[in-house]
Amino acid sequence: METVLQYEIPALHPLAVHFPIALLIAAFVVCAIWLVTGGRLWRRSTTILLVAGAMGSAFAYFTGEAMYEMSEDIPVVDELIELHETLALVTLWIAVFLSLGALVLEYLGRSAPDDTIDPVAMRLTAFVCLLAVALVVAATGHVGATMVWGVAR
């Protein structure tokens, strides 16, 4: 344990990136359950995970610059950084806009019966949007992992 305390992590980005990946993929899985079952519990759980994932995405995105500065002149980083940054920005914007929509839905649904605020078409739309988020966040993570752990063939 003493060895662990002798080291520090000089950038927050490696710590921050895992949360949005986990939260946004969890939001997709919970949304799939909501699509099949309906109900306020699954809608609210999807919203909570989505909003937390969007906030985590913002934190991860804004800590990335410091990490890049530490990694400049590493060939794989220089080659993939623009793609990684673009995918991260797309993830962030989609997650933020979906979060805003989900929060509006929650506000409107506070007093509405489930069948008026939870129609199948709305659940299917949310599912497709969260599938896009899950795919983009997975691609972003894969490119980031390649920059860290990738080995040329």
C-alpha atoms as a PDB file:
ATOM      1  CA  MET A   1       0.000   0.000   0.000  1.00  0.00           C
ATOM      2  CA  GLU A   2       2.882   2.340   0.730  1.00  0.00           C
ATOM      3  CA  THR A   3       4.020   2.125  -2.897  1.00  0.00           C
ATOM      4  CA  VAL A   4       0.619   3.310  -4.124  1.00  0.00           C
ATOM      5  CA  LEU A   5       0.894   6.426  -1.980  1.00  0.00           C
ATOM      6  CA  GLN A   6       4.341   7.282  -3.390  1.00  0.00           C
ATOM      7  CA  TYR A   7       2.924   8.048  -6.828  1.00  0.00           C
ATOM      8  CA  GLU A   8       0.513  10.657  -8.114  1.00  0.00           C
ATOM      9  CA  ILE A   9      -1.544  10.833 -11.275  1.00  0.00           C
ATOM     10  CA  PRO A  10      -0.556  14.111 -12.976  1.00  0.00           C
ATOM     11  CA  ALA A  11      -3.739  14.505 -15.071  1.00  0.00           C
ATOM     12  CA  LEU A  12      -7.408  13.970 -14.226  1.00  0.00           C
ATOM     13  CA  HIS A  13      -8.378  12.724 -17.684  1.00  0.00           C
ATOM     14  CA  PRO A  14      -7.472   9.036 -17.127  1.00  0.00           C
ATOM     15  CA  LEU A  15      -9.634   9.069 -13.999  1.00  0.00           C
ATOM     16  CA  ALA A  16     -12.514  10.999 -15.554  1.00  0.00           C
ATOM     17  CA  VAL A  17     -13.021   9.031 -18.764  1.00  0.00           C
ATOM     18  CA  HIS A  18     -14.360   5.847 -17.196  1.00  0.00           C
ATOM     19  CA  PHE A  19     -17.438   7.439 -15.633  1.00  0.00           C
ATOM     20  CA  PRO A  20     -19.171   8.693 -18.788  1.00  0.00           C
ATOM     21  CA  ILE A  21     -18.488   5.408 -20.553  1.00  0.00           C
ATOM     22  CA  ALA A  22     -20.077   3.403 -17.744  1.00  0.00           C
ATOM     23  CA  LEU A  23     -22.949   5.824 -17.132  1.00  0.00           C
ATOM     24  CA  LEU A  24     -23.936   6.311 -20.774  1.00  0.00           C
ATOM     25  CA  ILE A  25     -23.812   2.603 -21.571  1.00  0.00           C
ATOM     26  CA  ALA A  26     -25.815   1.917 -18.404  1.00  0.00           C
ATOM     27  CA  ALA A  27     -28.344   4.560 -19.559  1.00  0.00           C
ATOM     28  CA  PHE A  28     -28.669   2.665 -22.850  1.00  0.00           C
ATOM     29  CA  VAL A  29     -29.239  -0.667 -21.066  1.00  0.00           C
ATOM     30  CA  VAL A  30     -31.828   0.856 -18.702  1.00  0.00           C
ATOM     31  CA  CYS A  31     -33.504   2.545 -21.670  1.00  0.00           C
ATOM     32  CA  ALA A  32     -33.790  -0.868 -23.339  1.00  0.00           C
ATOM     33  CA  ILE A  33     -35.634  -2.106 -20.252  1.00  0.00           C
ATOM     34  CA  TRP A  34     -37.824   1.014 -20.353  1.00  0.00           C
ATOM     35  CA  LEU A  35     -38.584   0.369 -24.038  1.00  0.00           C
ATOM     36  CA  VAL A  36     -39.842  -3.122 -23.249  1.00  0.00           C
ATOM     37  CA  THR A  37     -41.614  -2.493 -19.937  1.00  0.00           C
ATOM     38  CA  GLY A  38     -42.505   1.205 -19.870  1.00  0.00           C
ATOM     39  CA  GLY A  39     -43.007   2.887 -16.528  1.00  0.00           C
ATOM     40  CA  ARG A  40     -41.770   5.902 -14.650  1.00  0.00           C
ATOM     41  CA  LEU A  41     -39.043   4.050 -12.729  1.00  0.00           C
ATOM     42  CA  TRP A  42     -37.177   3.050 -15.890  1.00  0.00           C
ATOM     43  CA  ARG A  43     -37.736   6.459 -17.523  1.00  0.00           C
ATOM     44  CA  ARG A  44     -36.396   8.266 -14.466  1.00  0.00           C
ATOM     45  CA  SER A  45     -33.482   5.874 -14.106  1.00  0.00           C
ATOM     46  CA  THR A  46     -32.602   6.441 -17.760  1.00  0.00           C
ATOM     47  CA  THR A  47     -32.770  10.207 -17.201  1.00  0.00           C
ATOM     48  CA  ILE A  48     -30.564  10.094 -14.094  1.00  0.00           C
ATOM     49  CA  LEU A  49     -27.927   7.949 -15.787  1.00  0.00           C
ATOM     50  CA  LEU A  50     -28.033  10.064 -18.942  1.00  0.00           C
ATOM     51  CA  VAL A  51     -27.655  13.376 -17.085  1.00  0.00           C
ATOM     52  CA  ALA A  52     -24.833  11.981 -14.929  1.00  0.00           C
ATOM     53  CA  GLY A  53     -23.166  10.602 -18.066  1.00  0.00           C
ATOM     54  CA  ALA A  54     -23.450  13.970 -19.827  1.00  0.00           C
ATOM     55  CA  MET A  55     -21.894  15.730 -16.844  1.00  0.00           C
ATOM     56  CA  GLY A  56     -19.126  13.114 -16.750  1.00  0.00           C
ATOM     57  CA  SER A  57     -18.596  13.576 -20.489  1.00  0.00           C
ATOM     58  CA  ALA A  58     -18.136  17.310 -20.011  1.00  0.00           C
ATOM     59  CA  PHE A  59     -15.617  16.738 -17.234  1.00  0.00           C
ATOM     60  CA  ALA A  60     -13.722  14.153 -19.289  1.00  0.00           C
ATOM     61  CA  TYR A  61     -13.732  16.371 -22.374  1.00  0.00           C
ATOM     62  CA  PHE A  62     -12.389  19.410 -20.552  1.00  0.00           C
ATOM     63  CA  THR A  63      -9.631  17.435 -18.817  1.00  0.00           C
ATOM     64  CA  GLY A  64      -8.427  16.025 -22.142  1.00  0.00           C
ATOM     65  CA  GLU A  65      -6.354  19.030 -23.157  1.00  0.00           C
ATOM     66  CA  ALA A  66      -3.988  18.646 -20.194  1.00  0.00           C
ATOM     67  CA  MET A  67      -3.553  14.978 -21.023  1.00  0.00           C
ATOM     68  CA  TYR A  68      -2.809  15.799 -24.650  1.00  0.00           C
ATOM     69  CA  GLU A  69      -0.146  18.327 -23.665  1.00  0.00           C
ATOM     70  CA  MET A  70       1.587  15.599 -21.659  1.00  0.00           C
ATOM     71  CA  SER A  71       1.363  13.173 -24.584  1.00  0.00           C
ATOM     72  CA  GLU A  72       2.430  15.388 -27.497  1.00  0.00           C
ATOM     73  CA  ASP A  73       5.001  13.953 -29.888  1.00  0.00           C
ATOM     74  CA  ILE A  74       3.917  10.373 -29.232  1.00  0.00           C
ATOM     75  CA  PRO A  75       3.219   9.133 -32.774  1.00  0.00           C
ATOM     76  CA  VAL A  76      -0.033   7.237 -32.070  1.00  0.00           C
ATOM     77  CA  VAL A  77      -1.390  10.179 -30.059  1.00  0.00           C
ATOM     78  CA  ASP A  78      -0.500  12.689 -32.759  1.00  0.00           C
ATOM     79  CA  GLU A  79      -2.161  10.443 -35.351  1.00  0.00           C
ATOM     80  CA  LEU A  80      -5.427   9.817 -33.463  1.00  0.00           C
ATOM     81  CA  ILE A  81      -5.963  12.900 -31.289  1.00  0.00           C
ATOM     82  CA  GLU A  82      -8.215  14.754 -33.745  1.00  0.00           C
ATOM     83  CA  LEU A  83     -10.469  11.727 -34.230  1.00  0.00           C
ATOM     84  CA  HIS A  84     -10.612  11.146 -30.466  1.00  0.00           C
ATOM     85  CA  GLU A  85     -11.427  14.786 -29.745  1.00  0.00           C
ATOM     86  CA  THR A  86     -14.113  14.895 -32.451  1.00  0.00           C
ATOM     87  CA  LEU A  87     -15.784  11.713 -31.171  1.00  0.00           C
ATOM     88  CA  ALA A  88     -15.635  13.045 -27.607  1.00  0.00           C
ATOM     89  CA  LEU A  89     -17.274  16.307 -28.665  1.00  0.00           C
ATOM     90  CA  VAL A  90     -20.006  14.446 -30.571  1.00  0.00           C
ATOM     91  CA  THR A  91     -20.631  12.270 -27.497  1.00  0.00           C
ATOM     92  CA  LEU A  92     -20.820  15.342 -25.288  1.00  0.00           C
ATOM     93  CA  TRP A  93     -23.253  17.241 -27.514  1.00  0.00           C
ATOM     94  CA  ILE A  94     -25.563  14.283 -28.076  1.00  0.00           C
ATOM     95  CA  ALA A  95     -25.589  13.463 -24.358  1.00  0.00           C
ATOM     96  CA  VAL A  96     -26.261  17.090 -23.400  1.00  0.00           C
ATOM     97  CA  PHE A  97     -29.139  17.506 -25.853  1.00  0.00           C
ATOM     98  CA  LEU A  98     -30.670  14.165 -24.875  1.00  0.00           C
ATOM     99  CA  SER A  99     -30.311  15.118 -21.208  1.00  0.00           C
ATOM    100  CA  LEU A 100     -32.150  18.370 -21.791  1.00  0.00           C
ATOM    101  CA  GLY A 101     -34.926  16.509 -23.609  1.00  0.00           C
ATOM    102  CA  ALA A 102     -35.138  13.896 -20.855  1.00  0.00           C
ATOM    103  CA  LEU A 103     -35.317  16.588 -18.166  1.00  0.00           C
ATOM    104  CA  VAL A 104     -38.116  18.365 -20.032  1.00  0.00           C
ATOM    105  CA  LEU A 105     -39.918  15.032 -20.349  1.00  0.00           C
ATOM    106  CA  GLU A 106     -39.524  14.441 -16.619  1.00  0.00           C
ATOM    107  CA  TYR A 107     -40.859  17.908 -15.861  1.00  0.00           C
ATOM    108  CA  LEU A 108     -43.856  17.438 -18.152  1.00  0.00           C
ATOM    109  CA  GLY A 109     -44.454  13.931 -16.842  1.00  0.00           C
ATOM    110  CA  ARG A 110     -44.624  14.868 -13.183  1.00  0.00           C
ATOM    111  CA  SER A 111     -48.397  14.964 -13.158  1.00  0.00           C
ATOM    112  CA  ALA A 112     -49.289  13.186 -16.403  1.00  0.00           C
ATOM    113  CA  PRO A 113     -50.449   9.573 -16.478  1.00  0.00           C
ATOM    114  CA  ASP A 114     -47.849   7.083 -17.732  1.00  0.00           C
ATOM    115  CA  ASP A 115     -49.658   6.278 -20.959  1.00  0.00           C
ATOM    116  CA  THR A 116     -49.593   9.916 -22.127  1.00  0.00           C
ATOM    117  CA  ILE A 117     -45.939  10.587 -21.321  1.00  0.00           C
ATOM    118  CA  ASP A 118     -44.561   7.087 -21.987  1.00  0.00           C
ATOM    119  CA  PRO A 119     -45.820   6.057 -25.446  1.00  0.00           C
ATOM    120  CA  VAL A 120     -43.917   3.313 -27.258  1.00  0.00           C
ATOM    121  CA  ALA A 121     -42.837   5.716 -30.022  1.00  0.00           C
ATOM    122  CA  MET A 122     -41.166   7.970 -27.458  1.00  0.00           C
ATOM    123  CA  ARG A 123     -39.429   5.041 -25.768  1.00  0.00           C
ATOM    124  CA  LEU A 124     -38.243   3.733 -29.143  1.00  0.00           C
ATOM    125  CA  THR A 125     -36.899   7.164 -30.095  1.00  0.00           C
ATOM    126  CA  ALA A 126     -35.032   7.405 -26.790  1.00  0.00           C
ATOM    127  CA  PHE A 127     -33.649   3.896 -27.312  1.00  0.00           C
ATOM    128  CA  VAL A 128     -32.337   4.707 -30.803  1.00  0.00           C
ATOM    129  CA  CYS A 129     -30.774   7.977 -29.564  1.00  0.00           C
ATOM    130  CA  LEU A 130     -29.118   6.219 -26.632  1.00  0.00           C
ATOM    131  CA  LEU A 131     -27.886   3.489 -28.962  1.00  0.00           C
ATOM    132  CA  ALA A 132     -26.141   6.252 -30.944  1.00  0.00           C
ATOM    133  CA  VAL A 133     -24.641   7.624 -27.706  1.00  0.00           C
ATOM    134  CA  ALA A 134     -23.465   4.158 -26.645  1.00  0.00           C
ATOM    135  CA  LEU A 135     -21.831   3.542 -30.028  1.00  0.00           C
ATOM    136  CA  VAL A 136     -20.107   6.925 -30.131  1.00  0.00           C
ATOM    137  CA  VAL A 137     -18.889   6.692 -26.527  1.00  0.00           C
ATOM    138  CA  ALA A 138     -17.579   3.173 -27.216  1.00  0.00           C
ATOM    139  CA  ALA A 139     -15.760   4.410 -30.330  1.00  0.00           C
ATOM    140  CA  THR A 140     -14.323   7.351 -28.378  1.00  0.00           C
ATOM    141  CA  GLY A 141     -13.118   4.999 -25.658  1.00  0.00           C
ATOM    142  CA  HIS A 142     -11.622   2.607 -28.170  1.00  0.00           C
ATOM    143  CA  VAL A 143      -9.661   5.374 -29.898  1.00  0.00           C
ATOM    144  CA  GLY A 144      -8.500   6.691 -26.501  1.00  0.00           C
ATOM    145  CA  ALA A 145      -7.430   3.208 -25.405  1.00  0.00           C
ATOM    146  CA  THR A 146      -5.574   2.754 -28.683  1.00  0.00           C
ATOM    147  CA  MET A 147      -3.687   5.999 -28.009  1.00  0.00           C
ATOM    148  CA  VAL A 148      -2.657   4.676 -24.590  1.00  0.00           C
ATOM    149  CA  TRP A 149      -2.205   0.964 -25.166  1.00  0.00           C
ATOM    150  CA  GLY A 150      -1.987   0.564 -28.935  1.00  0.00           C
ATOM    151  CA  VAL A 151       0.994  -1.228 -30.404  1.00  0.00           C
ATOM    152  CA  ALA A 152       1.832  -0.945 -34.116  1.00  0.00           C
ATOM    153  CA  ARG A 153       1.602  -4.194 -36.046  1.00  0.00           C
END
